[in-house]
Every structure is written in C-alpha cells, then in structure tokens.
Amino acid sequence: MSESPQPTATRRGPTVVALAAALVGTALFVALAAWLVPWDPVPGGVPEPADPSTILTPTEIARGDAYGVYGRALSWTSLAVSVLVALWLGLGRSGAALVRRLPGPWWVQAVLGVLAVTVIGRLFTLPFSYLLWRRRVTEGLSTQDTGAWFSDLWLNVLVSAVTVSLAVLVAVGCARRWRRWWPAIAGGIAAGLVVLGSFVYPLLVEPLFNDFEPLADGELRTAVLALGEEEGVGVDEVLVADASRRTTALNAYVSGFGSTHRVVLYDTAVAGLPQDELLSIVAHELGHAKNHDVLVGTGLGAAGAVAGVGLLGLLVGTPLLRRRSGATGMADPAAVPLVLALVAVGTFLVAPVQNGISRQIERRADVVALETTEDPDAFVLMQRELAVRSVSDPTPSAWGQFWFGSHPTTMERVALGIRYGAGE
C-alpha cells in the first residue's frame, strides 16, 4: 500500500521554517565572522613562505616531503571512502532498512542507527588508518603498541557516536513533536549544545584520552605566569598532558571557556624544548585566550549549527531524497543514515571556510606571541623543532592547505618570525 501524500500546507510549513532557519543561521555566521575573525591579523600582510632550506637540512626536507605525500594519499583516500560509504547508506534504501530492523522505540533505533553507521564507516576506513599509524611508528612519531592504538580508535568512535546521537535525537525528537516548527526549535537547541559541548569538553572528553597535572612550581611556571600577566590573561594554572604515551610530537592547546578554560602543554614539549622556545608556544596559546578564540569558534559553531539544521530541514523532506533513502522524513528514525550522509558532504564542503578562519586566528596568535616574547629567534627555532619532530611537509599541496589546513604552513610562520626579527 503506497504512502498517502501529505497535504501541501503541511509539507510547506517545515520547508518555510527550515529556509528561514538556514538564512538566519547563515546571516548570523557571516555577521559574527565579519566582526570577530581577524581578517588582517599580520601587520604588513602575510609574508611569502620562507625557503625550507633556511631552517631544514636536505634530509629533513626530503623526509617531510615523503611523509606528507604518503599521509595525504592515505588521508584523502580514507575521506573519499568514508563519504562514499555514507552516501551508499544514506542515499540507498539499505541504510533505512538497517535502522528499521533495529529493536526498540524510535529513540533507541535512532541511537543504534548512529552507532551502526559510524561503526560501518570506521570499518571501511580502518585499513587506511592502520597504514598511517604504522608509518607513524616507523617515523618514530607514535609510541603506542597495536592494542593501545585500537583502544584509542574505538574510544574515538564511541565519543563520536554519543555526540552525534545527541544531535540526531534533538532533530528527530523535535520533528516528531513539532511537525512545522522543528527546524527552528532543533536549530536553537543544536546551537545550545555547541556552546555546552565547548564548555564541558575539557571536563568530560579530554580526560578520556589523557591525564593532566599542573605545571610544577619553578622557573618555567613563574615565566608562564609572567607571560599571562603581560598579555592580560588570568592564568591560575597551566596543565601538562601525558601525550608521550601516544606520540613524540610537540604540541599545546587551549580549550573550554569560563571556569573550564585551560592551557595545556604536551609533556613532550615541556621535556623536549628549551625554555625560550617553550615560552613562545605558551605565548601563542595565551594569545588565543587573550582574544577569546575558543568563544569565537563556539559562537561561529552555534550559528553554523542553526544554518545546518535549516539545510537539513530543506533537504531531508524533499521527494527525491525520500524516494532514494526510503525514509519518510526527519520524524522517521530511518532517516538517520540520510542525515549522516548529508552531514558528511556538508562537512567536506564547508571545510575551506572553517579552516580559512582557523588560519587567520592562528596567525593572530603568532603575532601576539612575537610581540609578547620579543624573541623571534626562539619562535623560528621552535617552528623548526615542531616541523622536525612531527615530520611535517615544508611544502604541502596548495589545494590541500586551502581545503584542510587549519594552521599556516611552517614556512609561512618562519617567514613571519624572520620578518619580525628584521624589524619590519
């Protein structure tokens, strides 16, 4: 027996609201980006990348090039496979049929559907992840054995499934409760979840992967607190993560905001860098705190969530996708594979915007670090050490950097340090 068509007014209701949500979310995103993103963060403009030979040996350059080519080949192939698998499940009837065979009420089916699609996608891309990890072991970048690596991989799958399930439950639940207004209501809740997630991430997710200890009292901690005071950032404590149980790479980051705000250093960086280079990293991270970059990203993410839910509302209920997916609309938990397929495609398409904004924010933090420490030599040496320890490609693909590069390239950052050192 064929499904009875919905009345025209009923179909148009959520479409109009979804369009409004998409437009409002997009307009808010554009306004926030124009206001908060540092579109001209480097005085005098972004310099041309430095010649890799100015800081790296021919052997280091060749090693970085080889590892970069290998990593890009595996990563981009894995991405293509994951999107194709998502489209296969979402735009064919197999995904909807799988969810309908799952037990329980609609909300259980939705959660199990997210988990099933996530696990299937991970299984298809597992060979690429494994090969990339094995290369990291060969290069001396990974300190994990096979068991620890698999444990981390499936923990990531679980965290991803839980996070996505919350968003899916909001969308499907709102669509079942408010047939017309669900895109606006779900969009608002999704924006709130982005803010909440950013706030609690340091407390709920980071401890799943690392242990943290306060930076020990001593000369380094005193110097870090002095940097915070100079940048006008209140620093109660800086945490050190036990990253060495996974990697030899050097890194640091900031996360959270308000009472959950934290500056985290890898223990590899604390142990492996001279103090002046380590302080350059700390000054960069404090630059993020000074300019409230976590909050900037959270606000942009919240606006993007509203726009994304609006776009989902426009697409999921279209006759073509309903026919191809076998789902009857967002209120049907069988639409989960279709939703995840659309999210996968959308995430890929917006990556240049997201990463382009990230690069500008990172450049501003570099400028803050140089202006605060007034030590461009340490900045350049630190960039060299980061590049060598992470076997980074000194001349990455221009297309790959545009689409996937969340930070300026090493040679761009080196050029910035050289320019500052020359007093320009």
Protein backbone atom coordinates (compact mmCIF):
# COMPACT_ATOMS: atom_id res chain seq x y z
CA MET A 1 0.00 0.00 0.00
CA SER A 2 1.50 3.33 -1.03
CA GLU A 3 2.02 6.14 1.43
CA SER A 4 -0.62 8.85 1.32
CA PRO A 5 0.78 12.20 0.28
CA GLN A 6 0.91 14.88 2.95
CA PRO A 7 -1.25 17.96 2.47
CA THR A 8 0.54 20.76 0.64
CA ALA A 9 0.27 23.15 3.59
CA THR A 10 1.81 20.57 5.92
CA ARG A 11 4.72 20.00 3.59
CA ARG A 12 5.31 23.69 3.03
CA GLY A 13 5.21 24.54 6.73
CA PRO A 14 8.52 22.97 7.77
CA THR A 15 10.10 23.97 4.44
CA VAL A 16 9.44 27.66 5.04
CA VAL A 17 10.68 27.41 8.64
CA ALA A 18 13.75 25.44 7.53
CA LEU A 19 14.55 28.06 4.90
CA ALA A 20 14.20 30.80 7.50
CA ALA A 21 16.49 28.91 9.92
CA ALA A 22 19.09 28.36 7.20
CA LEU A 23 19.06 32.03 6.22
CA VAL A 24 19.13 33.32 9.79
CA GLY A 25 21.94 30.96 10.77
CA THR A 26 23.98 31.85 7.69
CA ALA A 27 23.45 35.58 8.21
CA LEU A 28 24.44 35.28 11.86
CA PHE A 29 27.54 33.29 10.92
CA VAL A 30 28.59 35.87 8.33
CA ALA A 31 27.99 38.74 10.76
CA LEU A 32 29.96 37.07 13.56
CA ALA A 33 32.78 36.16 11.17
CA ALA A 34 32.98 39.72 9.84
CA TRP A 35 33.03 41.09 13.39
CA LEU A 36 35.17 38.63 15.31
CA VAL A 37 37.57 36.97 12.86
CA PRO A 38 40.89 38.80 12.37
CA TRP A 39 40.87 39.08 8.59
CA ASP A 40 44.09 41.11 8.55
CA PRO A 41 45.99 39.72 11.54
CA VAL A 42 49.54 40.30 10.30
CA PRO A 43 50.84 43.88 10.08
CA GLY A 44 52.01 44.41 6.53
CA GLY A 45 50.16 41.35 5.27
CA VAL A 46 51.01 37.65 5.30
CA PRO A 47 54.60 37.16 4.08
CA GLU A 48 55.57 34.76 1.34
CA PRO A 49 56.67 31.38 2.74
CA ALA A 50 60.35 31.12 3.60
CA ASP A 51 62.65 28.78 1.72
CA PRO A 52 62.66 25.45 3.60
CA SER A 53 66.44 25.30 3.28
CA THR A 54 66.70 28.30 5.63
CA ILE A 55 65.83 26.10 8.63
CA LEU A 56 65.84 22.47 7.44
CA THR A 57 68.53 20.18 6.08
CA PRO A 58 68.04 18.44 2.70
CA THR A 59 67.47 15.16 4.55
CA GLU A 60 64.77 16.71 6.75
CA ILE A 61 63.09 18.29 3.73
CA ALA A 62 63.07 15.01 1.81
CA ARG A 63 61.74 13.13 4.83
CA GLY A 64 58.92 15.64 5.35
CA ASP A 65 58.02 15.59 1.64
CA ALA A 66 57.87 11.79 1.56
CA TYR A 67 55.80 11.54 4.72
CA GLY A 68 53.48 14.33 3.52
CA VAL A 69 52.80 12.61 0.19
CA TYR A 70 52.15 9.29 1.92
CA GLY A 71 49.91 10.84 4.57
CA ARG A 72 47.88 12.85 2.07
CA ALA A 73 47.34 9.83 -0.16
CA LEU A 74 46.00 7.76 2.72
CA SER A 75 44.03 10.56 4.42
CA TRP A 76 42.34 11.80 1.26
CA THR A 77 41.53 8.27 0.11
CA SER A 78 40.09 7.50 3.56
CA LEU A 79 37.98 10.65 3.41
CA ALA A 80 36.66 9.77 -0.05
CA VAL A 81 35.79 6.23 1.09
CA SER A 82 34.03 7.49 4.24
CA VAL A 83 31.89 9.93 2.24
CA LEU A 84 31.05 7.28 -0.37
CA VAL A 85 30.05 4.79 2.34
CA ALA A 86 27.87 7.44 3.99
CA LEU A 87 26.21 8.20 0.64
CA TRP A 88 25.71 4.48 -0.05
CA LEU A 89 23.90 4.03 3.25
CA GLY A 90 22.06 7.36 3.16
CA LEU A 91 21.00 7.64 -0.46
CA GLY A 92 20.14 3.98 -0.87
CA ARG A 93 17.44 2.03 0.92
CA SER A 94 19.92 -0.25 2.69
CA GLY A 95 20.57 2.31 5.44
CA ALA A 96 16.89 2.92 6.21
CA ALA A 97 16.19 -0.83 6.09
CA LEU A 98 19.03 -1.42 8.57
CA VAL A 99 17.62 1.11 11.06
CA ARG A 100 14.10 -0.33 10.76
CA ARG A 101 15.43 -3.76 11.70
CA LEU A 102 16.92 -2.39 14.91
CA PRO A 103 14.97 -3.07 18.13
CA GLY A 104 13.27 -0.61 20.45
CA PRO A 105 11.27 2.63 20.22
CA TRP A 106 12.21 5.43 17.84
CA TRP A 107 14.84 6.98 20.08
CA VAL A 108 16.62 3.65 20.59
CA GLN A 109 16.53 2.99 16.85
CA ALA A 110 17.99 6.47 16.22
CA VAL A 111 20.88 5.96 18.63
CA LEU A 112 21.61 2.44 17.41
CA GLY A 113 21.36 3.72 13.84
CA VAL A 114 24.02 6.36 14.51
CA LEU A 115 26.25 3.76 16.14
CA ALA A 116 25.77 1.29 13.27
CA VAL A 117 26.54 3.84 10.56
CA THR A 118 29.54 5.16 12.49
CA VAL A 119 30.99 1.68 13.02
CA ILE A 120 30.40 0.66 9.40
CA GLY A 121 32.14 3.80 8.18
CA ARG A 122 35.07 3.21 10.51
CA LEU A 123 35.45 -0.40 9.38
CA PHE A 124 35.71 0.70 5.75
CA THR A 125 38.40 3.27 6.57
CA LEU A 126 40.23 1.13 9.14
CA PRO A 127 42.91 -0.11 6.68
CA PHE A 128 43.92 3.46 5.83
CA SER A 129 44.07 4.47 9.50
CA TYR A 130 46.15 1.41 10.30
CA LEU A 131 48.63 2.04 7.49
CA LEU A 132 49.02 5.67 8.52
CA TRP A 133 49.61 4.65 12.14
CA ARG A 134 52.20 2.06 11.08
CA ARG A 135 54.02 4.78 9.13
CA ARG A 136 53.92 7.00 12.23
CA VAL A 137 55.51 4.17 14.20
CA THR A 138 58.20 3.78 11.55
CA GLU A 139 58.90 7.53 11.62
CA GLY A 140 59.15 7.47 15.40
CA LEU A 141 56.03 9.61 15.85
CA SER A 142 53.84 7.07 17.65
CA THR A 143 54.75 5.44 20.94
CA GLN A 144 51.67 3.19 21.07
CA ASP A 145 51.51 -0.53 20.58
CA THR A 146 48.75 -2.10 18.48
CA GLY A 147 46.42 -2.71 21.42
CA ALA A 148 46.63 0.87 22.68
CA TRP A 149 46.09 2.24 19.18
CA PHE A 150 42.98 0.11 18.63
CA SER A 151 41.67 1.10 22.04
CA ASP A 152 42.02 4.79 21.20
CA LEU A 153 40.44 4.29 17.79
CA TRP A 154 37.29 2.67 19.14
CA LEU A 155 37.09 5.13 22.02
CA ASN A 156 37.03 7.87 19.39
CA VAL A 157 34.24 6.02 17.58
CA LEU A 158 32.23 5.82 20.79
CA VAL A 159 32.72 9.51 21.63
CA SER A 160 31.74 10.48 18.09
CA ALA A 161 28.65 8.24 18.18
CA VAL A 162 27.49 9.70 21.52
CA THR A 163 27.99 13.27 20.31
CA VAL A 164 26.19 12.69 17.01
CA SER A 165 23.41 10.75 18.74
CA LEU A 166 22.57 13.75 20.92
CA ALA A 167 22.21 15.97 17.86
CA VAL A 168 20.16 13.34 15.99
CA LEU A 169 17.84 12.77 18.94
CA VAL A 170 17.20 16.51 19.10
CA ALA A 171 16.40 16.71 15.38
CA VAL A 172 14.21 13.60 15.20
CA GLY A 173 12.51 14.31 18.53
CA CYS A 174 11.66 17.89 17.54
CA ALA A 175 10.40 16.74 14.14
CA ARG A 176 8.07 14.24 15.84
CA ARG A 177 6.83 16.80 18.37
CA TRP A 178 6.64 19.95 16.24
CA ARG A 179 5.94 18.95 12.65
CA ARG A 180 6.06 22.51 11.34
CA TRP A 181 8.45 24.36 13.62
CA TRP A 182 11.02 21.67 14.27
CA PRO A 183 13.84 23.20 12.13
CA ALA A 184 13.80 26.41 14.18
CA ILE A 185 13.45 24.65 17.54
CA ALA A 186 16.03 21.96 16.76
CA GLY A 187 18.40 24.60 15.38
CA GLY A 188 18.18 26.59 18.59
CA ILE A 189 18.78 23.51 20.72
CA ALA A 190 21.69 22.46 18.49
CA ALA A 191 23.28 25.88 18.95
CA GLY A 192 22.91 25.49 22.71
CA LEU A 193 24.51 22.05 22.54
CA VAL A 194 27.51 23.51 20.69
CA VAL A 195 28.01 26.05 23.48
CA LEU A 196 27.52 23.42 26.18
CA GLY A 197 29.84 20.98 24.43
CA SER A 198 32.61 23.56 24.16
CA PHE A 199 32.23 24.32 27.86
CA VAL A 200 32.27 20.74 29.15
CA TYR A 201 34.71 19.24 26.62
CA PRO A 202 37.77 19.76 28.88
CA LEU A 203 35.94 18.06 31.76
CA LEU A 204 34.21 15.15 30.02
CA VAL A 205 36.15 14.25 26.87
CA GLU A 206 39.81 15.24 27.32
CA PRO A 207 40.24 13.09 30.48
CA LEU A 208 39.17 10.04 28.45
CA PHE A 209 42.37 10.28 26.44
CA ASN A 210 44.92 11.92 28.74
CA ASP A 211 45.85 12.51 32.35
CA PHE A 212 46.66 16.08 33.37
CA GLU A 213 48.87 17.54 36.06
CA PRO A 214 49.53 21.19 36.93
CA LEU A 215 52.84 22.55 35.68
CA ALA A 216 55.25 22.15 38.57
CA ASP A 217 56.45 25.14 40.56
CA GLY A 218 59.72 26.51 39.33
CA GLU A 219 61.32 28.89 36.86
CA LEU A 220 59.15 27.77 33.94
CA ARG A 221 55.87 28.21 35.81
CA THR A 222 56.97 31.63 37.04
CA ALA A 223 57.81 32.66 33.48
CA VAL A 224 54.45 31.36 32.21
CA LEU A 225 52.55 33.35 34.84
CA ALA A 226 54.54 36.44 33.90
CA LEU A 227 53.58 35.95 30.25
CA GLY A 228 49.93 35.68 31.23
CA GLU A 229 50.18 38.90 33.21
CA GLU A 230 51.85 40.68 30.30
CA GLU A 231 49.13 39.56 27.88
CA GLY A 232 46.39 40.42 30.36
CA VAL A 233 45.26 36.81 30.69
CA GLY A 234 44.45 35.40 34.10
CA VAL A 235 46.37 32.12 34.40
CA ASP A 236 45.62 30.15 37.53
CA GLU A 237 47.40 27.08 36.29
CA VAL A 238 48.85 25.52 33.18
CA LEU A 239 48.26 21.80 32.76
CA VAL A 240 50.64 19.21 31.35
CA ALA A 241 49.13 16.27 29.43
CA ASP A 242 50.79 12.86 29.30
CA ALA A 243 50.91 12.92 25.50
CA SER A 244 54.15 10.92 25.46
CA ARG A 245 52.16 7.72 25.96
CA ARG A 246 50.93 8.20 22.38
CA THR A 247 53.32 10.43 20.48
CA THR A 248 56.71 12.10 20.34
CA ALA A 249 55.27 15.20 18.64
CA LEU A 250 55.32 18.57 20.40
CA ASN A 251 52.10 20.48 20.92
CA ALA A 252 49.98 22.71 23.14
CA TYR A 253 46.40 23.93 23.02
CA VAL A 254 43.67 25.90 24.77
CA SER A 255 40.14 24.63 25.39
CA GLY A 256 37.00 25.49 27.29
CA PHE A 257 35.91 28.91 28.48
CA GLY A 258 34.88 30.49 31.75
CA SER A 259 35.51 28.13 34.63
CA THR A 260 36.62 25.31 32.28
CA HIS A 261 39.21 27.36 30.40
CA ARG A 262 42.63 25.74 30.36
CA VAL A 263 46.03 25.99 28.71
CA VAL A 264 47.55 22.55 28.12
CA LEU A 265 51.13 21.66 27.22
CA TYR A 266 52.23 18.26 25.98
CA ASP A 267 54.76 16.69 28.32
CA THR A 268 56.87 16.08 25.21
CA ALA A 269 57.09 19.86 24.69
CA VAL A 270 57.93 20.53 28.33
CA ALA A 271 60.70 17.93 28.27
CA GLY A 272 61.93 18.47 24.73
CA LEU A 273 62.16 22.22 24.20
CA PRO A 274 64.44 24.88 25.66
CA GLN A 275 62.57 27.30 27.89
CA ASP A 276 62.63 30.22 25.43
CA GLU A 277 61.07 28.08 22.69
CA LEU A 278 58.51 26.62 25.07
CA LEU A 279 57.55 30.12 26.22
CA SER A 280 56.99 31.05 22.59
CA ILE A 281 54.44 28.23 22.37
CA VAL A 282 52.82 29.31 25.65
CA ALA A 283 52.63 32.92 24.44
CA HIS A 284 50.85 31.70 21.30
CA GLU A 285 48.29 29.76 23.34
CA LEU A 286 47.81 32.69 25.71
CA GLY A 287 47.21 34.79 22.61
CA HIS A 288 44.19 32.58 21.90
CA ALA A 289 42.99 33.16 25.45
CA LYS A 290 43.61 36.90 25.21
CA ASN A 291 41.41 37.16 22.13
CA HIS A 292 38.79 34.69 23.43
CA ASP A 293 39.30 32.46 20.40
CA VAL A 294 37.52 29.47 21.93
CA LEU A 295 34.43 31.63 22.41
CA VAL A 296 34.78 32.97 18.87
CA GLY A 297 34.86 29.44 17.49
CA THR A 298 31.96 28.42 19.72
CA GLY A 299 29.82 31.32 18.53
CA LEU A 300 30.57 30.57 14.90
CA GLY A 301 29.84 26.89 15.51
CA ALA A 302 26.50 27.71 17.14
CA ALA A 303 25.46 29.89 14.20
CA GLY A 304 26.61 27.18 11.80
CA ALA A 305 24.51 24.63 13.70
CA VAL A 306 21.37 26.71 13.14
CA ALA A 307 22.14 27.04 9.44
CA GLY A 308 22.98 23.33 9.18
CA VAL A 309 19.72 22.19 10.77
CA GLY A 310 17.84 24.52 8.45
CA LEU A 311 19.55 23.00 5.43
CA LEU A 312 18.76 19.51 6.70
CA GLY A 313 15.12 20.51 7.00
CA LEU A 314 15.15 21.67 3.39
CA LEU A 315 16.79 18.52 2.06
CA VAL A 316 15.58 15.56 4.12
CA GLY A 317 11.94 16.00 3.24
CA THR A 318 12.39 16.51 -0.49
CA PRO A 319 10.54 13.94 -2.65
CA LEU A 320 13.75 12.84 -4.41
CA LEU A 321 15.66 12.06 -1.21
CA ARG A 322 12.60 10.47 0.38
CA ARG A 323 12.31 8.11 -2.56
CA ARG A 324 16.00 7.30 -2.72
CA SER A 325 16.53 6.82 1.02
CA GLY A 326 13.29 5.04 1.83
CA ALA A 327 12.75 7.34 4.85
CA THR A 328 9.56 9.34 5.24
CA GLY A 329 11.18 12.48 6.66
CA MET A 330 13.08 13.73 9.68
CA ALA A 331 10.48 12.33 12.09
CA ASP A 332 11.34 8.83 10.85
CA PRO A 333 14.38 7.33 12.67
CA ALA A 334 15.13 5.53 9.41
CA ALA A 335 16.27 8.92 8.12
CA VAL A 336 19.40 8.72 10.31
CA PRO A 337 21.67 7.34 7.53
CA LEU A 338 20.46 10.05 5.15
CA VAL A 339 21.09 12.76 7.75
CA LEU A 340 24.60 11.47 8.39
CA ALA A 341 25.31 11.32 4.63
CA LEU A 342 24.22 14.94 4.22
CA VAL A 343 26.31 15.97 7.22
CA ALA A 344 29.36 14.19 5.76
CA VAL A 345 29.00 16.02 2.45
CA GLY A 346 28.29 19.32 4.16
CA THR A 347 31.30 18.97 6.46
CA PHE A 348 33.54 18.43 3.46
CA LEU A 349 32.09 21.40 1.56
CA VAL A 350 32.42 23.89 4.43
CA ALA A 351 35.97 22.80 5.33
CA PRO A 352 37.65 25.63 3.36
CA VAL A 353 35.59 28.23 5.22
CA GLN A 354 36.20 26.66 8.62
CA ASN A 355 39.91 26.16 8.06
CA GLY A 356 40.38 29.54 6.40
CA ILE A 357 39.00 31.21 9.53
CA SER A 358 41.18 28.99 11.72
CA ARG A 359 44.33 30.01 9.84
CA GLN A 360 43.60 33.69 10.40
CA ILE A 361 43.05 33.12 14.12
CA GLU A 362 46.30 31.14 14.34
CA ARG A 363 48.19 33.93 12.57
CA ARG A 364 46.92 36.44 15.11
CA ALA A 365 48.11 34.20 17.95
CA ASP A 366 51.54 34.00 16.28
CA VAL A 367 51.70 37.80 16.13
CA VAL A 368 50.75 38.02 19.81
CA ALA A 369 53.50 35.53 20.69
CA LEU A 370 56.13 37.50 18.79
CA GLU A 371 55.04 40.82 20.26
CA THR A 372 54.89 39.44 23.80
CA THR A 373 58.16 37.50 23.91
CA GLU A 374 60.08 39.81 21.55
CA ASP A 375 62.13 36.73 20.72
CA PRO A 376 61.77 35.93 17.00
CA ASP A 377 64.82 33.67 17.06
CA ALA A 378 63.14 31.39 19.62
CA PHE A 379 59.93 31.50 17.55
CA VAL A 380 61.73 30.38 14.39
CA LEU A 381 63.73 27.69 16.21
CA MET A 382 60.52 26.44 17.81
CA GLN A 383 58.87 26.16 14.38
CA ARG A 384 61.86 24.21 13.15
CA GLU A 385 61.71 21.84 16.12
CA LEU A 386 57.97 21.31 15.68
CA ALA A 387 58.45 20.56 11.98
CA VAL A 388 61.29 18.11 12.54
CA ARG A 389 59.63 16.30 15.43
CA SER A 390 56.30 15.95 13.59
CA VAL A 391 57.94 15.23 10.18
CA SER A 392 55.76 17.95 8.67
CA ASP A 393 55.82 18.65 4.95
CA PRO A 394 57.59 22.01 4.39
CA THR A 395 55.84 22.47 1.02
CA PRO A 396 52.37 20.96 1.35
CA SER A 397 49.90 20.77 -1.50
CA ALA A 398 48.37 24.22 -2.14
CA TRP A 399 44.95 22.65 -2.69
CA GLY A 400 45.25 20.54 0.44
CA GLN A 401 46.36 23.52 2.50
CA PHE A 402 43.44 25.60 1.22
CA TRP A 403 40.88 22.87 1.93
CA PHE A 404 42.23 21.14 5.02
CA GLY A 405 44.96 23.34 6.53
CA SER A 406 43.78 24.64 9.92
CA HIS A 407 47.14 26.37 10.61
CA PRO A 408 49.54 28.39 8.47
CA THR A 409 52.30 26.29 6.98
CA THR A 410 55.59 26.00 8.81
CA MET A 411 57.36 28.12 6.19
CA GLU A 412 54.72 30.87 6.42
CA ARG A 413 55.24 31.02 10.17
CA VAL A 414 59.01 31.01 9.80
CA ALA A 415 58.74 33.92 7.34
CA LEU A 416 56.65 35.81 9.88
CA GLY A 417 59.32 35.30 12.55
CA ILE A 418 62.11 36.36 10.16
CA ARG A 419 60.18 39.50 9.20
CA TYR A 420 59.61 40.40 12.85
CA GLY A 421 63.28 39.81 13.61
CA ALA A 422 64.23 42.16 10.79
CA GLY A 423 62.14 44.87 12.42
CA GLU A 424 59.62 45.11 9.60
